[in-house]
C-alpha atoms as a PDB file:
ATOM      1  CA  MET A   1     -25.687 -27.405  49.424  1.00  0.00           C
ATOM      2  CA  LYS A   2     -24.334 -24.164  48.037  1.00  0.00           C
ATOM      3  CA  ILE A   3     -21.362 -22.422  49.606  1.00  0.00           C
ATOM      4  CA  LEU A   4     -23.410 -19.312  50.299  1.00  0.00           C
ATOM      5  CA  ASP A   5     -25.885 -21.397  52.288  1.00  0.00           C
ATOM      6  CA  VAL A   6     -23.252 -21.374  55.041  1.00  0.00           C
ATOM      7  CA  LEU A   7     -20.671 -18.660  54.313  1.00  0.00           C
ATOM      8  CA  THR A   8     -21.542 -15.352  55.957  1.00  0.00           C
ATOM      9  CA  LYS A   9     -19.950 -11.930  55.881  1.00  0.00           C
ATOM     10  CA  ASP A  10     -19.072 -12.325  59.580  1.00  0.00           C
ATOM     11  CA  THR A  11     -16.681 -15.200  58.862  1.00  0.00           C
ATOM     12  CA  ILE A  12     -14.818 -13.542  55.970  1.00  0.00           C
ATOM     13  CA  SER A  13     -11.357 -12.049  56.530  1.00  0.00           C
ATOM     14  CA  ILE A  14     -10.019 -10.300  53.435  1.00  0.00           C
ATOM     15  CA  ASP A  15      -6.647  -9.239  54.818  1.00  0.00           C
ATOM     16  CA  LEU A  16      -4.972 -12.012  56.780  1.00  0.00           C
ATOM     17  CA  LYS A  17      -1.793 -10.760  58.454  1.00  0.00           C
ATOM     18  CA  ALA A  18      -0.299 -14.103  59.544  1.00  0.00           C
ATOM     19  CA  THR A  19       2.925 -15.321  58.009  1.00  0.00           C
ATOM     20  CA  ASP A  20       2.646 -18.995  59.009  1.00  0.00           C
ATOM     21  CA  LYS A  21       0.109 -21.808  59.183  1.00  0.00           C
ATOM     22  CA  LYS A  22      -0.706 -21.534  62.885  1.00  0.00           C
ATOM     23  CA  GLY A  23      -1.185 -17.783  62.584  1.00  0.00           C
ATOM     24  CA  VAL A  24      -3.592 -18.214  59.671  1.00  0.00           C
ATOM     25  CA  LEU A  25      -5.559 -20.799  61.625  1.00  0.00           C
ATOM     26  CA  LYS A  26      -5.816 -18.406  64.573  1.00  0.00           C
ATOM     27  CA  GLU A  27      -7.067 -15.588  62.355  1.00  0.00           C
ATOM     28  CA  LEU A  28      -9.611 -17.818  60.625  1.00  0.00           C
ATOM     29  CA  ALA A  29     -10.771 -19.370  63.908  1.00  0.00           C
ATOM     30  CA  ALA A  30     -11.557 -16.079  65.668  1.00  0.00           C
ATOM     31  CA  PRO A  31     -14.700 -15.134  63.699  1.00  0.00           C
ATOM     32  CA  ALA A  32     -15.721 -18.769  63.136  1.00  0.00           C
ATOM     33  CA  ALA A  33     -15.604 -19.483  66.881  1.00  0.00           C
ATOM     34  CA  LYS A  34     -18.441 -17.025  67.508  1.00  0.00           C
ATOM     35  CA  VAL A  35     -20.676 -18.819  65.019  1.00  0.00           C
ATOM     36  CA  ALA A  36     -19.595 -22.281  66.212  1.00  0.00           C
ATOM     37  CA  GLY A  37     -20.112 -21.518  69.897  1.00  0.00           C
ATOM     38  CA  ALA A  38     -16.526 -22.479  70.671  1.00  0.00           C
ATOM     39  CA  THR A  39     -13.361 -20.708  71.691  1.00  0.00           C
ATOM     40  CA  PRO A  40     -10.810 -19.789  69.032  1.00  0.00           C
ATOM     41  CA  GLU A  41      -8.245 -21.875  70.937  1.00  0.00           C
ATOM     42  CA  GLU A  42     -10.490 -24.954  70.760  1.00  0.00           C
ATOM     43  CA  LEU A  43     -10.869 -24.529  67.007  1.00  0.00           C
ATOM     44  CA  VAL A  44      -7.139 -24.016  66.441  1.00  0.00           C
ATOM     45  CA  LYS A  45      -6.423 -27.188  68.425  1.00  0.00           C
ATOM     46  CA  ILE A  46      -8.858 -29.213  66.280  1.00  0.00           C
ATOM     47  CA  LEU A  47      -7.503 -27.719  63.060  1.00  0.00           C
ATOM     48  CA  LEU A  48      -3.874 -28.385  64.026  1.00  0.00           C
ATOM     49  CA  GLU A  49      -4.759 -31.988  64.908  1.00  0.00           C
ATOM     50  CA  ARG A  50      -6.160 -32.384  61.400  1.00  0.00           C
ATOM     51  CA  GLU A  51      -3.044 -30.753  59.885  1.00  0.00           C
ATOM     52  CA  ARG A  52      -0.864 -33.398  61.563  1.00  0.00           C
ATOM     53  CA  LEU A  53      -2.527 -35.984  59.304  1.00  0.00           C
ATOM     54  CA  GLY A  54      -1.425 -34.033  56.238  1.00  0.00           C
ATOM     55  CA  SER A  55      -1.558 -30.457  55.057  1.00  0.00           C
ATOM     56  CA  THR A  56      -4.898 -29.081  53.938  1.00  0.00           C
ATOM     57  CA  GLY A  57      -2.962 -26.886  51.529  1.00  0.00           C
ATOM     58  CA  ILE A  58      -4.168 -28.439  48.289  1.00  0.00           C
ATOM     59  CA  GLY A  59      -1.916 -26.434  45.985  1.00  0.00           C
ATOM     60  CA  GLY A  60      -2.678 -23.725  43.484  1.00  0.00           C
ATOM     61  CA  GLY A  61      -2.691 -21.130  46.264  1.00  0.00           C
ATOM     62  CA  ILE A  62      -5.586 -22.828  48.099  1.00  0.00           C
ATOM     63  CA  GLY A  63      -5.914 -24.034  51.690  1.00  0.00           C
ATOM     64  CA  ILE A  64      -9.006 -25.711  53.099  1.00  0.00           C
ATOM     65  CA  PRO A  65      -8.402 -26.212  56.818  1.00  0.00           C
ATOM     66  CA  HIS A  66     -11.187 -28.307  58.289  1.00  0.00           C
ATOM     67  CA  GLY A  67     -12.235 -30.170  61.373  1.00  0.00           C
ATOM     68  CA  LYS A  68     -15.147 -31.708  63.241  1.00  0.00           C
ATOM     69  CA  LEU A  69     -16.608 -30.619  66.572  1.00  0.00           C
ATOM     70  CA  LYS A  70     -18.714 -32.739  68.915  1.00  0.00           C
ATOM     71  CA  HIS A  71     -21.049 -30.008  70.117  1.00  0.00           C
ATOM     72  CA  LEU A  72     -21.554 -28.294  66.768  1.00  0.00           C
ATOM     73  CA  ASP A  73     -25.083 -28.532  65.368  1.00  0.00           C
ATOM     74  CA  GLN A  74     -24.523 -26.766  62.056  1.00  0.00           C
ATOM     75  CA  LEU A  75     -21.839 -26.438  59.437  1.00  0.00           C
ATOM     76  CA  VAL A  76     -19.624 -23.349  59.783  1.00  0.00           C
ATOM     77  CA  LEU A  77     -17.681 -21.952  56.857  1.00  0.00           C
ATOM     78  CA  GLY A  78     -15.119 -19.166  56.899  1.00  0.00           C
ATOM     79  CA  PHE A  79     -13.027 -17.481  54.242  1.00  0.00           C
ATOM     80  CA  GLY A  80      -9.639 -15.798  54.433  1.00  0.00           C
ATOM     81  CA  LEU A  81      -7.431 -14.013  51.965  1.00  0.00           C
ATOM     82  CA  SER A  82      -3.677 -13.525  52.320  1.00  0.00           C
ATOM     83  CA  ARG A  83      -2.516 -11.179  49.603  1.00  0.00           C
ATOM     84  CA  ARG A  84       1.166 -11.846  50.441  1.00  0.00           C
ATOM     85  CA  GLY A  85       0.744 -15.570  50.643  1.00  0.00           C
ATOM     86  CA  VAL A  86       1.681 -17.909  53.469  1.00  0.00           C
ATOM     87  CA  ASP A  87       3.933 -20.936  53.719  1.00  0.00           C
ATOM     88  CA  TYR A  88       1.100 -23.342  54.476  1.00  0.00           C
ATOM     89  CA  GLU A  89       3.048 -26.519  53.680  1.00  0.00           C
ATOM     90  CA  SER A  90       0.963 -26.999  50.543  1.00  0.00           C
ATOM     91  CA  ILE A  91       1.469 -30.031  48.367  1.00  0.00           C
ATOM     92  CA  ASP A  92       2.971 -27.853  45.612  1.00  0.00           C
ATOM     93  CA  ARG A  93       5.195 -26.027  48.167  1.00  0.00           C
ATOM     94  CA  ARG A  94       3.970 -22.662  46.869  1.00  0.00           C
ATOM     95  CA  PRO A  95       2.463 -19.841  48.946  1.00  0.00           C
ATOM     96  CA  THR A  96      -1.198 -20.138  49.872  1.00  0.00           C
ATOM     97  CA  HIS A  97      -3.458 -17.122  49.420  1.00  0.00           C
ATOM     98  CA  ILE A  98      -7.084 -18.295  49.537  1.00  0.00           C
ATOM     99  CA  PHE A  99      -8.463 -20.162  52.541  1.00  0.00           C
ATOM    100  CA  PHE A 100     -11.800 -21.770  53.250  1.00  0.00           C
ATOM    101  CA  LEU A 101     -12.245 -22.888  56.861  1.00  0.00           C
ATOM    102  CA  LEU A 102     -14.771 -25.705  57.270  1.00  0.00           C
ATOM    103  CA  LEU A 103     -16.154 -26.895  60.594  1.00  0.00           C
ATOM    104  CA  THR A 104     -18.747 -29.647  60.727  1.00  0.00           C
ATOM    105  CA  PRO A 105     -20.555 -31.643  63.395  1.00  0.00           C
ATOM    106  CA  GLU A 106     -18.641 -34.770  64.362  1.00  0.00           C
ATOM    107  CA  ASP A 107     -21.254 -37.170  62.980  1.00  0.00           C
ATOM    108  CA  SER A 108     -21.666 -35.572  59.548  1.00  0.00           C
ATOM    109  CA  ALA A 109     -18.969 -37.205  57.415  1.00  0.00           C
ATOM    110  CA  GLY A 110     -21.098 -37.173  54.253  1.00  0.00           C
ATOM    111  CA  LEU A 111     -21.881 -33.470  54.477  1.00  0.00           C
ATOM    112  CA  HIS A 112     -18.263 -32.688  55.351  1.00  0.00           C
ATOM    113  CA  LEU A 113     -17.008 -34.441  52.212  1.00  0.00           C
ATOM    114  CA  LYS A 114     -19.679 -32.885  49.965  1.00  0.00           C
ATOM    115  CA  VAL A 115     -18.787 -29.367  51.038  1.00  0.00           C
ATOM    116  CA  LEU A 116     -15.043 -30.030  50.685  1.00  0.00           C
ATOM    117  CA  ALA A 117     -15.649 -31.349  47.165  1.00  0.00           C
ATOM    118  CA  ARG A 118     -17.806 -28.338  46.236  1.00  0.00           C
ATOM    119  CA  ILE A 119     -15.172 -25.887  47.440  1.00  0.00           C
ATOM    120  CA  SER A 120     -12.450 -27.799  45.579  1.00  0.00           C
ATOM    121  CA  ARG A 121     -14.460 -27.794  42.336  1.00  0.00           C
ATOM    122  CA  LEU A 122     -15.225 -24.105  42.646  1.00  0.00           C
ATOM    123  CA  LEU A 123     -11.568 -23.229  43.209  1.00  0.00           C
ATOM    124  CA  LYS A 124     -10.358 -25.066  40.114  1.00  0.00           C
ATOM    125  CA  ASN A 125     -11.553 -21.990  38.237  1.00  0.00           C
ATOM    126  CA  ASP A 126      -8.506 -19.719  37.780  1.00  0.00           C
ATOM    127  CA  ASP A 127     -10.683 -16.724  36.881  1.00  0.00           C
ATOM    128  CA  LEU A 128     -12.570 -17.106  40.169  1.00  0.00           C
ATOM    129  CA  LYS A 129      -9.306 -17.266  42.125  1.00  0.00           C
ATOM    130  CA  ALA A 130      -8.069 -14.101  40.396  1.00  0.00           C
ATOM    131  CA  GLN A 131     -11.336 -12.322  41.206  1.00  0.00           C
ATOM    132  CA  LEU A 132     -11.131 -13.365  44.855  1.00  0.00           C
ATOM    133  CA  MET A 133      -7.550 -12.078  45.069  1.00  0.00           C
ATOM    134  CA  ARG A 134      -8.717  -8.655  43.835  1.00  0.00           C
ATOM    135  CA  ALA A 135     -11.757  -8.439  46.113  1.00  0.00           C
ATOM    136  CA  ALA A 136     -11.847  -5.377  48.345  1.00  0.00           C
ATOM    137  CA  SER A 137     -14.609  -6.334  50.795  1.00  0.00           C
ATOM    138  CA  PRO A 138     -16.481  -9.281  52.305  1.00  0.00           C
ATOM    139  CA  ASP A 139     -19.521  -8.266  50.243  1.00  0.00           C
ATOM    140  CA  GLU A 140     -17.455  -8.530  47.072  1.00  0.00           C
ATOM    141  CA  ILE A 141     -16.225 -11.994  48.109  1.00  0.00           C
ATOM    142  CA  LEU A 142     -19.837 -13.115  48.573  1.00  0.00           C
ATOM    143  CA  GLU A 143     -20.851 -11.703  45.190  1.00  0.00           C
ATOM    144  CA  ILE A 144     -17.959 -13.404  43.368  1.00  0.00           C
ATOM    145  CA  ILE A 145     -18.768 -16.747  44.983  1.00  0.00           C
ATOM    146  CA  ARG A 146     -22.519 -16.293  44.359  1.00  0.00           C
ATOM    147  CA  ASP A 147     -21.926 -15.866  40.618  1.00  0.00           C
ATOM    148  CA  LYS A 148     -19.833 -19.038  40.339  1.00  0.00           C
ATOM    149  CA  ASP A 149     -21.723 -21.092  42.948  1.00  0.00           C
ATOM    150  CA  GLU A 150     -24.855 -20.897  40.793  1.00  0.00           C
ATOM    151  CA  GLU A 151     -23.056 -22.696  37.965  1.00  0.00           C
ATOM    152  CA  PHE A 152     -22.593 -25.891  39.992  1.00  0.00           C
END
């Protein structure tokens, strides 16, 4: 499954304003909730529960908050960009700038892990991260990801 099979312009936020983890999760959850058929509060609760197990800030300026929902029938993917960076409690203790929000149905562990792995592989590319940081619109984000997503 390619990232652009599930990432849509409606779930892309290119100018996150939050200065902390919970704020970022709220901003990412708002557009994703519409697609997921859930409330933003429900999504934030699920995402914070997952964060209690360990930060989804994987280092290198990347955060991949994720969670599973019982009533969800499709994978939902969101994207957020914090140009300032956020203290997201990342493993490298550095600010996090690029976020992918992943929501999956509760019974889809295999798909959940495949998408997490694909996002992680994609974001190992420093050139891609630099391009995302310079992006000026959701359309540009989609185009940057499309170019690199084809390589995998």
